[in-house]
Amino acid sequence: MAKPAKISFSNGLVAESIRLKTPAELTIGLHQLGLEGRHPALVLIGGASKLSETDFHRLQKLFVEVLAPLAQKWQAVVIDGGTDAGVMRLMGQARSAIGASFPLVGVTPSGLATLPAKAAKALEAAPLEPHHTHFILVPGSSWGDESMWIAKIASAIADAASVTVLINGGEITWKDASQSVKADRSIIVIAGTGRTADVIAAALYGASADERADPLVASGLVRAIDLEAGADTLAAIIEDIFAAKR
């Protein structure tokens, strides 16, 4: 396992990073980053590069007024895919906008993470989001290789209090959601945000259009909240999850 390193961004911010090779390195890697299991964890999954500009702007209020303030209040570790797109960009910008101090951890396949001032390693590679505080670079050269790692890292960090929030999303989001269920982690789907989120929400209401939604619904770990009317409900559910496991 490589030693922790710093990543400097053009906005003047510096993130701590580490490269892991095997799950056996996870415990010591988190220790070296100062992220041992003493925090609640909020896992964020969903739309990245295919999140439309319209949806991006619709979602900004949710991040700035609900998700980032909740993470700040509880000093939760927020864990996502770490790239500068979609929900990951929204969380990074929201953290900056409210001047928050909670750890924001990006988990990205090492073969696809484009570091500042470095050339992309592959056509599918993506730059890292510059407001994240930590990055964990994991083995892989395909999007989705990080899914198992996100779930494992959240379980290792959390002091039993953890929740996944699913917004929009494409093919990889199905894999991310399945990993959260496998980890016995509750998932809150934000209905009305499009694509995977709306398919899962419909399945919860008895209108399954994709068989991949069926085991998620059957787990009993998934619930849906409407984007336009559910901000207070979302906040209350997350508060209850965090408070119950203190």
Protein backbone atom coordinates (compact mmCIF):
# COMPACT_ATOMS: atom_id res chain seq x y z
CA MET A 1 0.00 0.00 0.00
CA ALA A 2 1.29 3.43 -0.90
CA LYS A 3 1.75 6.08 1.75
CA PRO A 4 -0.77 8.95 1.98
CA ALA A 5 -0.12 11.78 -0.45
CA LYS A 6 -1.47 15.27 -0.97
CA ILE A 7 -3.41 16.37 -4.05
CA SER A 8 -3.26 20.10 -4.77
CA PHE A 9 -6.00 21.70 -6.83
CA SER A 10 -5.97 24.91 -8.83
CA ASN A 11 -8.49 26.45 -6.40
CA GLY A 12 -5.82 26.33 -3.70
CA LEU A 13 -7.36 23.44 -1.79
CA VAL A 14 -5.39 20.35 -0.84
CA ALA A 15 -6.84 16.87 -0.31
CA GLU A 16 -5.32 13.86 1.40
CA SER A 17 -5.21 10.69 -0.70
CA ILE A 18 -4.17 7.09 -0.52
CA ARG A 19 -4.00 4.22 -3.02
CA LEU A 20 -5.25 0.84 -1.90
CA LYS A 21 -4.57 -2.47 -3.60
CA THR A 22 -6.62 -4.93 -1.56
CA PRO A 23 -9.48 -4.75 0.98
CA ALA A 24 -7.03 -5.99 3.60
CA GLU A 25 -5.33 -2.58 3.44
CA LEU A 26 -8.52 -0.68 4.21
CA THR A 27 -8.26 -0.48 7.99
CA ILE A 28 -4.73 0.86 8.04
CA GLY A 29 -5.47 3.16 5.09
CA LEU A 30 -8.38 4.78 6.91
CA HIS A 31 -6.23 5.10 10.02
CA GLN A 32 -3.54 6.90 8.05
CA LEU A 33 -6.17 9.30 6.70
CA GLY A 34 -7.63 9.89 10.17
CA LEU A 35 -10.96 8.37 9.16
CA GLU A 36 -11.26 5.48 11.58
CA GLY A 37 -14.73 4.34 12.55
CA ARG A 38 -15.96 7.12 14.78
CA HIS A 39 -18.28 9.02 12.47
CA PRO A 40 -21.72 8.57 10.98
CA ALA A 41 -21.48 7.95 7.23
CA LEU A 42 -23.59 9.36 4.43
CA VAL A 43 -23.10 7.56 1.12
CA LEU A 44 -24.08 9.53 -1.96
CA ILE A 45 -24.80 7.63 -5.19
CA GLY A 46 -26.41 8.59 -8.48
CA GLY A 47 -26.04 10.78 -11.53
CA ALA A 48 -22.61 11.85 -12.70
CA SER A 49 -21.77 13.06 -16.20
CA LYS A 50 -25.26 12.33 -17.53
CA LEU A 51 -27.03 14.49 -14.97
CA SER A 52 -28.55 17.26 -17.08
CA GLU A 53 -27.82 20.92 -16.41
CA THR A 54 -31.48 21.47 -15.61
CA ASP A 55 -31.49 18.68 -13.03
CA PHE A 56 -28.18 19.92 -11.62
CA HIS A 57 -29.67 23.33 -10.87
CA ARG A 58 -32.89 21.79 -9.49
CA LEU A 59 -30.85 19.76 -7.02
CA GLN A 60 -28.57 22.51 -5.74
CA LYS A 61 -31.04 23.62 -3.06
CA LEU A 62 -31.30 20.09 -1.68
CA PHE A 63 -27.54 19.89 -1.27
CA VAL A 64 -26.97 23.39 0.10
CA GLU A 65 -29.97 23.47 2.44
CA VAL A 66 -30.34 19.84 3.54
CA LEU A 67 -27.55 17.35 2.81
CA ALA A 68 -24.46 19.47 3.47
CA PRO A 69 -25.89 21.08 6.66
CA LEU A 70 -26.87 17.65 8.00
CA ALA A 71 -23.41 16.31 7.35
CA GLN A 72 -21.95 19.34 9.08
CA LYS A 73 -24.24 19.05 12.12
CA TRP A 74 -23.33 15.41 12.68
CA GLN A 75 -19.76 15.68 11.37
CA ALA A 76 -20.66 12.76 9.16
CA VAL A 77 -18.20 11.44 6.63
CA VAL A 78 -19.74 11.84 3.19
CA ILE A 79 -18.59 9.20 0.71
CA ASP A 80 -19.10 9.34 -3.05
CA GLY A 81 -17.33 8.61 -6.32
CA GLY A 82 -15.13 11.70 -6.12
CA THR A 83 -15.23 12.94 -9.72
CA ASP A 84 -16.06 16.47 -10.81
CA ALA A 85 -19.53 15.73 -12.15
CA GLY A 86 -23.17 15.41 -11.12
CA VAL A 87 -24.02 14.67 -7.50
CA MET A 88 -20.35 14.59 -6.51
CA ARG A 89 -19.83 18.12 -7.83
CA LEU A 90 -23.04 19.21 -6.11
CA MET A 91 -21.82 17.93 -2.76
CA GLY A 92 -18.38 19.46 -3.16
CA GLN A 93 -19.83 22.84 -4.09
CA ALA A 94 -22.41 22.69 -1.28
CA ARG A 95 -19.73 21.93 1.30
CA SER A 96 -17.78 24.94 0.08
CA ALA A 97 -20.86 27.19 -0.08
CA ILE A 98 -21.74 26.68 3.59
CA GLY A 99 -18.14 26.72 4.80
CA ALA A 100 -18.45 23.20 6.21
CA SER A 101 -15.75 21.10 7.83
CA PHE A 102 -17.12 17.55 7.48
CA PRO A 103 -14.88 15.06 5.68
CA LEU A 104 -15.85 14.53 2.03
CA VAL A 105 -14.28 11.36 0.67
CA GLY A 106 -14.11 10.44 -3.00
CA VAL A 107 -13.59 6.76 -3.86
CA THR A 108 -12.36 6.44 -7.44
CA PRO A 109 -10.78 3.70 -9.58
CA SER A 110 -7.09 4.52 -9.87
CA GLY A 111 -7.12 3.80 -13.60
CA LEU A 112 -9.77 6.47 -14.19
CA ALA A 113 -8.83 9.24 -11.77
CA THR A 114 -7.28 12.23 -13.52
CA LEU A 115 -5.13 14.13 -11.05
CA PRO A 116 -4.68 17.92 -11.34
CA ALA A 117 -2.25 18.96 -14.09
CA LYS A 118 -1.95 15.34 -15.24
CA ALA A 119 -3.03 13.81 -18.53
CA ALA A 120 -6.04 11.50 -18.53
CA LYS A 121 -5.07 7.83 -18.35
CA ALA A 122 -8.01 6.65 -20.48
CA LEU A 123 -10.81 8.00 -22.64
CA GLU A 124 -13.29 7.34 -19.83
CA ALA A 125 -11.12 9.01 -17.18
CA ALA A 126 -12.48 11.97 -15.21
CA PRO A 127 -10.97 14.77 -13.10
CA LEU A 128 -11.38 14.73 -9.35
CA GLU A 129 -13.79 17.16 -7.67
CA PRO A 130 -11.68 19.93 -6.10
CA HIS A 131 -13.66 20.49 -2.87
CA HIS A 132 -13.27 16.95 -1.55
CA THR A 133 -11.05 16.59 1.50
CA HIS A 134 -9.92 13.00 0.92
CA PHE A 135 -9.57 10.58 -1.98
CA ILE A 136 -9.19 6.84 -1.80
CA LEU A 137 -7.93 5.48 -5.10
CA VAL A 138 -8.90 1.85 -5.51
CA PRO A 139 -8.01 -0.84 -8.05
CA GLY A 140 -9.87 -0.68 -11.34
CA SER A 141 -10.05 0.78 -14.81
CA SER A 142 -13.84 0.64 -15.35
CA TRP A 143 -16.57 2.72 -13.77
CA GLY A 144 -18.32 0.50 -11.25
CA ASP A 145 -15.09 -1.01 -9.96
CA GLU A 146 -15.40 1.43 -7.07
CA SER A 147 -18.91 0.28 -6.01
CA MET A 148 -17.82 -2.48 -3.66
CA TRP A 149 -15.17 -0.23 -2.18
CA ILE A 150 -17.61 2.61 -1.46
CA ALA A 151 -19.82 0.22 0.51
CA LYS A 152 -16.90 -1.31 2.41
CA ILE A 153 -15.36 2.07 3.23
CA ALA A 154 -18.67 3.41 4.53
CA SER A 155 -19.09 0.36 6.77
CA ALA A 156 -15.54 0.69 8.06
CA ILE A 157 -15.89 4.41 8.79
CA ALA A 158 -19.37 4.42 10.29
CA ASP A 159 -19.95 3.83 13.98
CA ALA A 160 -22.99 1.78 12.86
CA ALA A 161 -24.85 4.94 11.80
CA SER A 162 -24.95 5.13 8.03
CA VAL A 163 -27.36 5.84 5.19
CA THR A 164 -27.23 5.98 1.40
CA VAL A 165 -28.93 8.74 -0.59
CA LEU A 166 -29.67 7.88 -4.22
CA ILE A 167 -30.31 10.69 -6.72
CA ASN A 168 -30.93 10.24 -10.45
CA GLY A 169 -28.30 7.78 -11.69
CA GLY A 170 -27.50 5.40 -14.52
CA GLU A 171 -26.18 1.88 -14.88
CA ILE A 172 -23.50 2.13 -12.19
CA THR A 173 -26.09 3.35 -9.69
CA TRP A 174 -27.78 -0.07 -9.77
CA LYS A 175 -24.50 -1.65 -8.72
CA ASP A 176 -23.95 0.99 -6.02
CA ALA A 177 -27.45 0.44 -4.64
CA SER A 178 -27.02 -3.34 -4.57
CA GLN A 179 -23.79 -2.94 -2.63
CA SER A 180 -25.52 -0.73 -0.05
CA VAL A 181 -28.24 -3.34 0.42
CA LYS A 182 -25.58 -6.05 0.71
CA ALA A 183 -24.01 -3.97 3.48
CA ASP A 184 -27.43 -3.76 5.20
CA ARG A 185 -27.50 0.01 4.70
CA SER A 186 -30.74 1.96 4.32
CA ILE A 187 -31.22 3.74 0.99
CA ILE A 188 -33.27 6.91 0.55
CA VAL A 189 -34.25 7.38 -3.08
CA ILE A 190 -35.01 10.94 -4.13
CA ALA A 191 -37.98 10.49 -6.47
CA GLY A 192 -38.48 13.04 -9.21
CA THR A 193 -34.78 13.26 -10.02
CA GLY A 194 -34.99 10.98 -13.05
CA ARG A 195 -33.56 7.75 -14.41
CA THR A 196 -32.64 5.07 -11.87
CA ALA A 197 -34.09 6.95 -8.90
CA ASP A 198 -37.50 7.18 -10.53
CA VAL A 199 -37.46 3.54 -11.67
CA ILE A 200 -36.77 2.38 -8.11
CA ALA A 201 -39.35 4.78 -6.68
CA ALA A 202 -41.97 3.43 -9.08
CA ALA A 203 -41.12 -0.12 -8.02
CA LEU A 204 -41.66 0.85 -4.40
CA TYR A 205 -45.14 2.01 -5.38
CA GLY A 206 -45.83 -1.31 -7.14
CA ALA A 207 -44.97 -0.39 -10.71
CA SER A 208 -41.73 -2.24 -11.36
CA ALA A 209 -40.32 -1.63 -14.84
CA ASP A 210 -36.86 -3.10 -14.22
CA GLU A 211 -36.23 -6.42 -12.52
CA ARG A 212 -33.11 -5.00 -10.89
CA ALA A 213 -35.40 -2.95 -8.65
CA ASP A 214 -37.18 -6.00 -7.27
CA PRO A 215 -34.48 -7.28 -4.88
CA LEU A 216 -33.84 -3.73 -3.69
CA VAL A 217 -37.50 -3.27 -2.81
CA ALA A 218 -37.70 -6.76 -1.29
CA SER A 219 -34.81 -5.95 1.06
CA GLY A 220 -37.00 -3.55 3.03
CA LEU A 221 -34.07 -1.14 3.19
CA VAL A 222 -35.23 1.23 0.46
CA ARG A 223 -37.68 4.10 0.73
CA ALA A 224 -38.51 7.00 -1.57
CA ILE A 225 -39.00 10.70 -0.88
CA ASP A 226 -40.23 13.21 -3.44
CA LEU A 227 -37.73 15.90 -4.39
CA GLU A 228 -40.22 18.75 -4.51
CA ALA A 229 -42.01 18.07 -1.23
CA GLY A 230 -39.75 15.92 0.87
CA ALA A 231 -36.81 18.02 2.09
CA ASP A 232 -38.02 18.11 5.70
CA THR A 233 -38.86 14.41 5.61
CA LEU A 234 -35.43 13.55 4.21
CA ALA A 235 -33.74 15.56 6.94
CA ALA A 236 -35.86 13.91 9.64
CA ILE A 237 -35.10 10.39 8.41
CA ILE A 238 -31.36 10.98 8.29
CA GLU A 239 -31.45 12.63 11.72
CA ASP A 240 -33.30 9.62 13.14
CA ILE A 241 -30.80 7.17 11.63
CA PHE A 242 -27.83 9.06 13.00
CA ALA A 243 -29.40 9.67 16.41
CA ALA A 244 -30.51 6.06 16.89
CA LYS A 245 -26.96 4.74 16.53
CA ARG A 246 -25.14 7.25 18.73
